[in-house]
Amino acid sequence: MNFIKKYSRGIIIFTIFILLIILPLIFPNPAHIGMFIGCGVASILAMGWLLILRIGCLSLGQVAFLAIGAYTSALLSQKIGISPWIGLICGGVVAGLIALGMGVVVLKIRGLSLAIITFAFAEVIRLIFSALEIFGGHGGIMEIPRYNPLPIPFLGRIQFDSPFSNYYIMFFILTVSASFMWRMDNSAIGRIFKSLSQNEELAQSLGVYPLKYKVINFTTACFFAGMAGAFTAHYYGCLYPGSYSVHHSVIVQIQATVGGSASVALGGLLGGFIMVMIESWLLNIDPRWVYIFYGSVIILITFFLPDGLLSLHRQVRNWTKPSTGNNK
């Protein structure tokens, strides 16, 4: 039975991988490809949020690390001339280091207080980027260098000046992020993460140092958020602090919740892609419908699918299961 389950999961993962590769070929419209890129960024943030949830912590500040990665890479390439390819790593590293320092202090706190702190942190970061001229102030940063051409075996020298080519950069980042967080979630350290959310005191009595693993978890999620942010800086070519409001952190939480926490990688992918695609469709109809949509989703998921879309098959089976009670 376990073999069949693993085999089925492998087929699903392989199918998703192939589908993501051929998406720009099926939908070559630049507007569609741009939407898929947005889906990839949202998925990375949702996966990070779900990974943090594994340790029983609620973060409302993932968008802050997206912004940190974006501004880091943009300033390094614009002011110092560092290649955007190196900036991708630098954005992730700086976001990870800030998460490391922040985590050592705030991850000792539990419950709603941690959510409030991360919420406030995101707003502080946005205000700093808005206030200081080194970060461009309210006007943001313009004319951020694009990705340099790269010689790729069998394909020649590739220019990364179109949504099509940029999609595959995002695809690579998304694949690395999903693979790493999936492997972490399904390893011994992942089991430690889950034990912390279930009973931290018991885990500590068995020799687990909770803060150490919480910091590892938090830093990993924020590192990939920083990489995603660095990518967006060079893809869009401009940054505005208003794009990183706490509103977007709440959206990340909703997207991750919709996907489901049964799997960090699959839940993040499912929630990120579905929610961003529906949001993009609604924006073309009437932007006001977006807020109605998100509000409705929160209500529906809370009442009918508290474990997200990944649990849909189980819920349908429960709903359609015939009653075993005796009819009188």
Protein backbone atom coordinates (compact mmCIF):
# COMPACT_ATOMS: atom_id res chain seq x y z
CA MET A 1 0.00 0.00 0.00
CA ASN A 2 2.83 2.40 0.84
CA PHE A 3 4.50 1.53 -2.47
CA ILE A 4 1.30 2.35 -4.39
CA LYS A 5 0.94 5.62 -2.48
CA LYS A 6 4.55 6.65 -3.21
CA TYR A 7 4.19 5.59 -6.86
CA SER A 8 1.02 7.67 -7.26
CA ARG A 9 2.65 10.66 -5.60
CA GLY A 10 5.66 10.33 -7.92
CA ILE A 11 3.37 10.34 -10.98
CA ILE A 12 1.59 13.46 -9.70
CA ILE A 13 4.88 15.28 -9.08
CA PHE A 14 6.26 14.29 -12.49
CA THR A 15 3.06 15.42 -14.20
CA ILE A 16 3.18 18.80 -12.45
CA PHE A 17 6.86 19.19 -13.42
CA ILE A 18 6.17 18.49 -17.10
CA LEU A 19 3.10 20.73 -17.08
CA LEU A 20 5.09 23.64 -15.67
CA ILE A 21 7.74 23.17 -18.36
CA ILE A 22 5.29 23.31 -21.25
CA LEU A 23 2.94 26.00 -19.89
CA PRO A 24 4.53 28.84 -21.94
CA LEU A 25 4.30 26.66 -25.05
CA ILE A 26 0.60 26.00 -24.51
CA PHE A 27 -0.17 29.63 -23.58
CA PRO A 28 2.41 31.76 -25.46
CA ASN A 29 0.57 35.04 -24.83
CA PRO A 30 2.98 37.31 -22.85
CA ALA A 31 0.12 38.30 -20.53
CA HIS A 32 -0.48 34.65 -19.65
CA ILE A 33 3.21 34.01 -19.13
CA GLY A 34 3.43 37.04 -16.83
CA MET A 35 0.53 35.61 -14.85
CA PHE A 36 2.32 32.25 -14.53
CA ILE A 37 5.40 34.06 -13.25
CA GLY A 38 3.22 35.73 -10.60
CA CYS A 39 1.88 32.29 -9.73
CA GLY A 40 5.43 31.04 -9.19
CA VAL A 41 6.32 33.91 -6.84
CA ALA A 42 3.09 33.40 -4.88
CA SER A 43 3.77 29.65 -4.65
CA ILE A 44 7.24 30.18 -3.15
CA LEU A 45 5.83 32.51 -0.52
CA ALA A 46 2.97 30.10 0.24
CA MET A 47 5.38 27.17 0.60
CA GLY A 48 7.49 29.20 3.01
CA TRP A 49 4.41 30.11 5.04
CA LEU A 50 3.38 26.46 5.25
CA LEU A 51 6.91 25.46 6.28
CA ILE A 52 6.81 27.98 9.14
CA LEU A 53 3.38 26.67 10.10
CA ARG A 54 5.02 23.25 10.62
CA ILE A 55 6.70 24.54 13.78
CA GLY A 56 3.43 25.92 15.09
CA CYS A 57 4.23 29.54 14.23
CA LEU A 58 2.08 31.97 12.30
CA SER A 59 4.01 34.47 10.19
CA LEU A 60 2.38 37.52 8.67
CA GLY A 61 5.62 39.04 7.43
CA GLN A 62 6.72 36.95 4.44
CA VAL A 63 6.26 39.89 2.10
CA ALA A 64 8.94 41.76 4.06
CA PHE A 65 11.55 39.19 3.05
CA LEU A 66 10.33 39.34 -0.53
CA ALA A 67 11.01 43.09 -0.39
CA ILE A 68 14.40 42.64 1.28
CA GLY A 69 15.55 40.26 -1.44
CA ALA A 70 14.24 42.56 -4.18
CA TYR A 71 15.88 45.73 -2.85
CA THR A 72 19.14 43.95 -2.07
CA SER A 73 19.58 42.59 -5.58
CA ALA A 74 18.37 45.81 -7.23
CA LEU A 75 20.80 48.03 -5.29
CA LEU A 76 23.75 45.68 -5.73
CA SER A 77 23.28 45.53 -9.48
CA GLN A 78 22.46 49.23 -9.92
CA LYS A 79 24.96 50.80 -7.51
CA ILE A 80 27.85 48.31 -7.58
CA GLY A 81 27.35 46.58 -10.91
CA ILE A 82 26.94 43.06 -9.55
CA SER A 83 25.38 40.65 -12.03
CA PRO A 84 21.65 40.02 -11.45
CA TRP A 85 22.46 36.28 -11.45
CA ILE A 86 24.62 36.79 -8.38
CA GLY A 87 21.99 39.17 -7.04
CA LEU A 88 19.51 36.28 -6.91
CA ILE A 89 21.70 34.52 -4.36
CA CYS A 90 22.57 37.75 -2.53
CA GLY A 91 18.89 38.61 -2.15
CA GLY A 92 18.21 35.22 -0.61
CA VAL A 93 21.25 35.36 1.65
CA VAL A 94 20.48 38.84 3.02
CA ALA A 95 16.85 37.91 3.63
CA GLY A 96 18.01 34.70 5.32
CA LEU A 97 20.51 36.50 7.54
CA ILE A 98 17.92 39.02 8.67
CA ALA A 99 15.51 36.16 9.34
CA LEU A 100 18.24 34.40 11.32
CA GLY A 101 18.85 37.42 13.55
CA MET A 102 15.15 38.12 13.91
CA GLY A 103 14.32 34.47 14.57
CA VAL A 104 16.75 34.11 17.45
CA VAL A 105 14.82 36.86 19.25
CA VAL A 106 11.18 36.52 18.24
CA LEU A 107 10.80 32.76 17.82
CA LYS A 108 10.95 32.38 21.59
CA ILE A 109 7.48 33.90 21.55
CA ARG A 110 4.48 31.76 20.77
CA GLY A 111 0.93 32.16 19.55
CA LEU A 112 -0.74 35.32 18.33
CA SER A 113 2.04 37.55 19.67
CA LEU A 114 4.45 36.18 17.06
CA ALA A 115 1.94 36.85 14.28
CA ILE A 116 1.59 40.46 15.46
CA ILE A 117 5.37 40.93 15.61
CA THR A 118 5.92 39.61 12.08
CA PHE A 119 2.98 41.73 10.89
CA ALA A 120 4.58 44.84 12.42
CA PHE A 121 8.01 43.89 11.03
CA ALA A 122 6.61 43.81 7.50
CA GLU A 123 5.14 47.28 7.93
CA VAL A 124 8.38 48.65 9.41
CA ILE A 125 10.36 47.33 6.44
CA ARG A 126 7.93 48.97 4.02
CA LEU A 127 8.17 52.30 5.87
CA ILE A 128 11.98 52.15 5.89
CA PHE A 129 12.07 51.58 2.14
CA SER A 130 9.58 54.42 1.68
CA ALA A 131 11.40 56.91 3.91
CA LEU A 132 15.08 56.49 3.02
CA GLU A 133 16.41 57.95 -0.22
CA ILE A 134 19.01 55.21 -0.52
CA PHE A 135 16.09 52.89 -1.24
CA GLY A 136 14.46 55.34 -3.62
CA GLY A 137 11.88 56.66 -1.17
CA HIS A 138 8.23 56.60 -2.18
CA GLY A 139 9.25 56.67 -5.83
CA GLY A 140 11.02 53.35 -5.53
CA ILE A 141 13.87 52.20 -7.76
CA MET A 142 13.69 52.47 -11.54
CA GLU A 143 15.78 51.11 -14.42
CA ILE A 144 16.96 48.00 -12.59
CA PRO A 145 19.34 46.02 -14.84
CA ARG A 146 17.88 42.97 -16.57
CA TYR A 147 19.43 39.52 -16.59
CA ASN A 148 22.61 39.13 -18.59
CA PRO A 149 22.58 36.81 -21.63
CA LEU A 150 23.87 33.32 -20.85
CA PRO A 151 25.51 30.74 -23.13
CA ILE A 152 23.54 27.51 -22.70
CA PRO A 153 24.78 24.21 -24.21
CA PHE A 154 22.87 23.16 -27.35
CA LEU A 155 20.77 26.32 -27.21
CA GLY A 156 23.40 28.99 -27.80
CA ARG A 157 23.44 32.42 -26.20
CA ILE A 158 20.05 33.09 -24.59
CA GLN A 159 18.71 36.59 -24.08
CA PHE A 160 16.55 37.06 -20.97
CA ASP A 161 14.61 40.06 -22.16
CA SER A 162 11.16 38.51 -22.62
CA PRO A 163 8.49 37.00 -20.34
CA PHE A 164 9.09 33.64 -22.05
CA SER A 165 12.76 33.40 -21.05
CA ASN A 166 12.11 34.91 -17.61
CA TYR A 167 9.48 32.27 -16.96
CA TYR A 168 12.15 29.58 -17.04
CA ILE A 169 14.27 31.49 -14.53
CA MET A 170 11.26 31.50 -12.21
CA PHE A 171 10.63 27.84 -13.04
CA PHE A 172 14.18 27.00 -11.93
CA ILE A 173 13.85 28.98 -8.67
CA LEU A 174 10.45 27.42 -8.01
CA THR A 175 11.76 23.90 -8.66
CA VAL A 176 14.74 24.38 -6.33
CA SER A 177 12.55 25.94 -3.62
CA ALA A 178 9.87 23.26 -3.83
CA SER A 179 12.39 20.41 -3.91
CA PHE A 180 14.34 21.73 -0.94
CA MET A 181 11.32 22.48 1.23
CA TRP A 182 9.62 19.20 0.26
CA ARG A 183 12.76 17.24 1.16
CA MET A 184 13.11 19.13 4.44
CA ASP A 185 9.45 18.52 5.28
CA ASN A 186 9.75 14.78 4.60
CA SER A 187 13.00 14.17 6.47
CA ALA A 188 14.00 13.68 10.08
CA ILE A 189 14.21 17.43 10.60
CA GLY A 190 10.69 17.74 9.22
CA ARG A 191 9.45 15.33 11.86
CA ILE A 192 11.12 17.49 14.49
CA PHE A 193 9.33 20.54 13.08
CA LYS A 194 5.98 18.78 13.44
CA SER A 195 6.79 17.65 16.97
CA LEU A 196 7.36 21.28 18.00
CA SER A 197 3.87 22.27 16.87
CA GLN A 198 2.30 19.30 18.65
CA ASN A 199 4.09 19.43 21.99
CA GLU A 200 7.16 21.61 22.31
CA GLU A 201 7.75 20.72 25.97
CA LEU A 202 7.72 17.00 25.22
CA ALA A 203 10.10 17.45 22.29
CA GLN A 204 12.46 19.43 24.52
CA SER A 205 12.38 16.71 27.17
CA LEU A 206 13.56 14.26 24.50
CA GLY A 207 16.66 16.34 23.74
CA VAL A 208 15.35 18.64 21.01
CA TYR A 209 16.44 22.27 21.24
CA PRO A 210 13.28 24.05 19.97
CA LEU A 211 14.79 27.46 19.16
CA LYS A 212 17.51 25.91 16.99
CA TYR A 213 15.04 24.11 14.74
CA LYS A 214 12.63 27.02 14.67
CA VAL A 215 15.40 29.32 13.44
CA ILE A 216 16.46 26.80 10.77
CA ASN A 217 12.88 26.55 9.60
CA PHE A 218 12.24 30.30 9.58
CA THR A 219 15.54 31.12 7.88
CA THR A 220 14.95 28.59 5.11
CA ALA A 221 11.49 29.94 4.31
CA CYS A 222 12.75 33.53 4.27
CA PHE A 223 15.80 32.69 2.15
CA PHE A 224 13.62 31.45 -0.69
CA ALA A 225 11.26 34.42 -0.27
CA GLY A 226 14.32 36.66 -0.70
CA MET A 227 15.34 34.82 -3.87
CA ALA A 228 11.85 35.23 -5.28
CA GLY A 229 12.01 38.93 -4.46
CA ALA A 230 15.39 39.30 -6.15
CA PHE A 231 13.96 37.68 -9.27
CA THR A 232 11.02 40.10 -9.40
CA ALA A 233 13.33 43.12 -9.15
CA HIS A 234 15.11 42.25 -12.41
CA TYR A 235 12.04 40.88 -14.13
CA TYR A 236 9.89 43.98 -13.63
CA GLY A 237 12.82 46.40 -13.76
CA CYS A 238 11.36 48.63 -11.03
CA LEU A 239 10.39 48.50 -7.36
CA TYR A 240 7.80 50.38 -5.32
CA PRO A 241 7.52 50.09 -1.53
CA GLY A 242 3.73 50.14 -1.82
CA SER A 243 3.92 46.73 -3.49
CA TYR A 244 5.01 45.17 -0.19
CA SER A 245 2.19 46.12 2.15
CA VAL A 246 1.02 43.84 4.95
CA HIS A 247 -2.08 43.28 2.84
CA HIS A 248 0.06 41.07 0.62
CA SER A 249 1.26 39.06 3.63
CA VAL A 250 -2.35 38.28 4.47
CA ILE A 251 -2.94 37.23 0.85
CA VAL A 252 0.00 34.81 1.16
CA GLN A 253 -1.63 33.24 4.21
CA ILE A 254 -4.94 32.81 2.35
CA GLN A 255 -3.23 31.26 -0.68
CA ALA A 256 -1.33 28.78 1.48
CA THR A 257 -4.46 27.90 3.46
CA VAL A 258 -6.41 27.28 0.26
CA GLY A 259 -3.70 24.91 -1.00
CA GLY A 260 -3.55 22.94 2.23
CA SER A 261 -0.93 22.04 4.79
CA ALA A 262 -0.80 18.30 4.09
CA SER A 263 2.20 18.96 1.83
CA VAL A 264 4.37 22.07 2.00
CA ALA A 265 5.36 21.91 -1.67
CA LEU A 266 2.09 20.73 -3.25
CA GLY A 267 -0.06 22.90 -1.00
CA GLY A 268 1.97 25.99 -1.83
CA LEU A 269 1.91 25.26 -5.57
CA LEU A 270 -1.80 24.53 -5.64
CA GLY A 271 -2.80 27.55 -3.58
CA GLY A 272 -0.42 29.94 -5.33
CA PHE A 273 -1.37 28.98 -8.88
CA ILE A 274 -5.13 28.69 -8.42
CA MET A 275 -5.57 31.87 -6.41
CA VAL A 276 -3.36 34.06 -8.61
CA MET A 277 -4.99 32.82 -11.81
CA ILE A 278 -8.48 33.50 -10.49
CA GLU A 279 -7.36 36.88 -9.14
CA SER A 280 -5.90 37.82 -12.55
CA TRP A 281 -9.15 36.84 -14.26
CA LEU A 282 -11.21 38.90 -11.82
CA LEU A 283 -8.93 41.92 -12.23
CA ASN A 284 -9.78 41.95 -15.93
CA ILE A 285 -13.49 41.96 -15.10
CA ASP A 286 -13.69 44.30 -12.10
CA PRO A 287 -10.94 44.77 -9.46
CA ARG A 288 -13.59 45.07 -6.75
CA TRP A 289 -14.44 41.42 -7.22
CA VAL A 290 -10.97 40.41 -5.99
CA TYR A 291 -11.71 41.40 -2.39
CA ILE A 292 -15.12 39.76 -2.53
CA PHE A 293 -13.45 36.63 -3.87
CA TYR A 294 -10.82 36.46 -1.12
CA GLY A 295 -13.40 37.10 1.57
CA SER A 296 -15.64 34.36 0.19
CA VAL A 297 -12.73 31.94 -0.04
CA ILE A 298 -11.84 32.45 3.61
CA ILE A 299 -15.41 31.64 4.66
CA LEU A 300 -15.76 28.61 2.38
CA ILE A 301 -12.39 27.11 3.28
CA THR A 302 -12.97 27.63 7.00
CA PHE A 303 -16.33 25.87 6.98
CA PHE A 304 -15.95 23.19 4.31
CA LEU A 305 -12.22 22.56 3.69
CA PRO A 306 -10.24 23.55 6.79
CA ASP A 307 -7.31 21.43 5.53
CA GLY A 308 -7.30 23.06 2.09
CA LEU A 309 -7.79 21.75 -1.43
CA LEU A 310 -5.34 18.89 -0.83
CA SER A 311 -7.97 17.36 1.43
CA LEU A 312 -10.77 17.74 -1.14
CA HIS A 313 -10.72 14.07 -2.18
CA ARG A 314 -11.01 12.98 1.44
CA GLN A 315 -13.83 15.41 2.15
CA VAL A 316 -15.74 14.30 -0.97
CA ARG A 317 -15.37 10.68 0.14
CA ASN A 318 -16.75 11.59 3.57
CA TRP A 319 -19.64 13.54 2.07
CA THR A 320 -20.59 10.72 -0.31
CA LYS A 321 -20.05 7.92 2.19
CA PRO A 322 -23.37 6.22 2.90
CA SER A 323 -24.64 6.43 6.45
CA THR A 324 -23.97 3.32 8.49
CA GLY A 325 -26.71 4.08 10.97
CA ASN A 326 -29.73 1.79 11.25
CA ASN A 327 -32.90 3.17 9.79
CA LYS A 328 -35.86 2.83 12.03
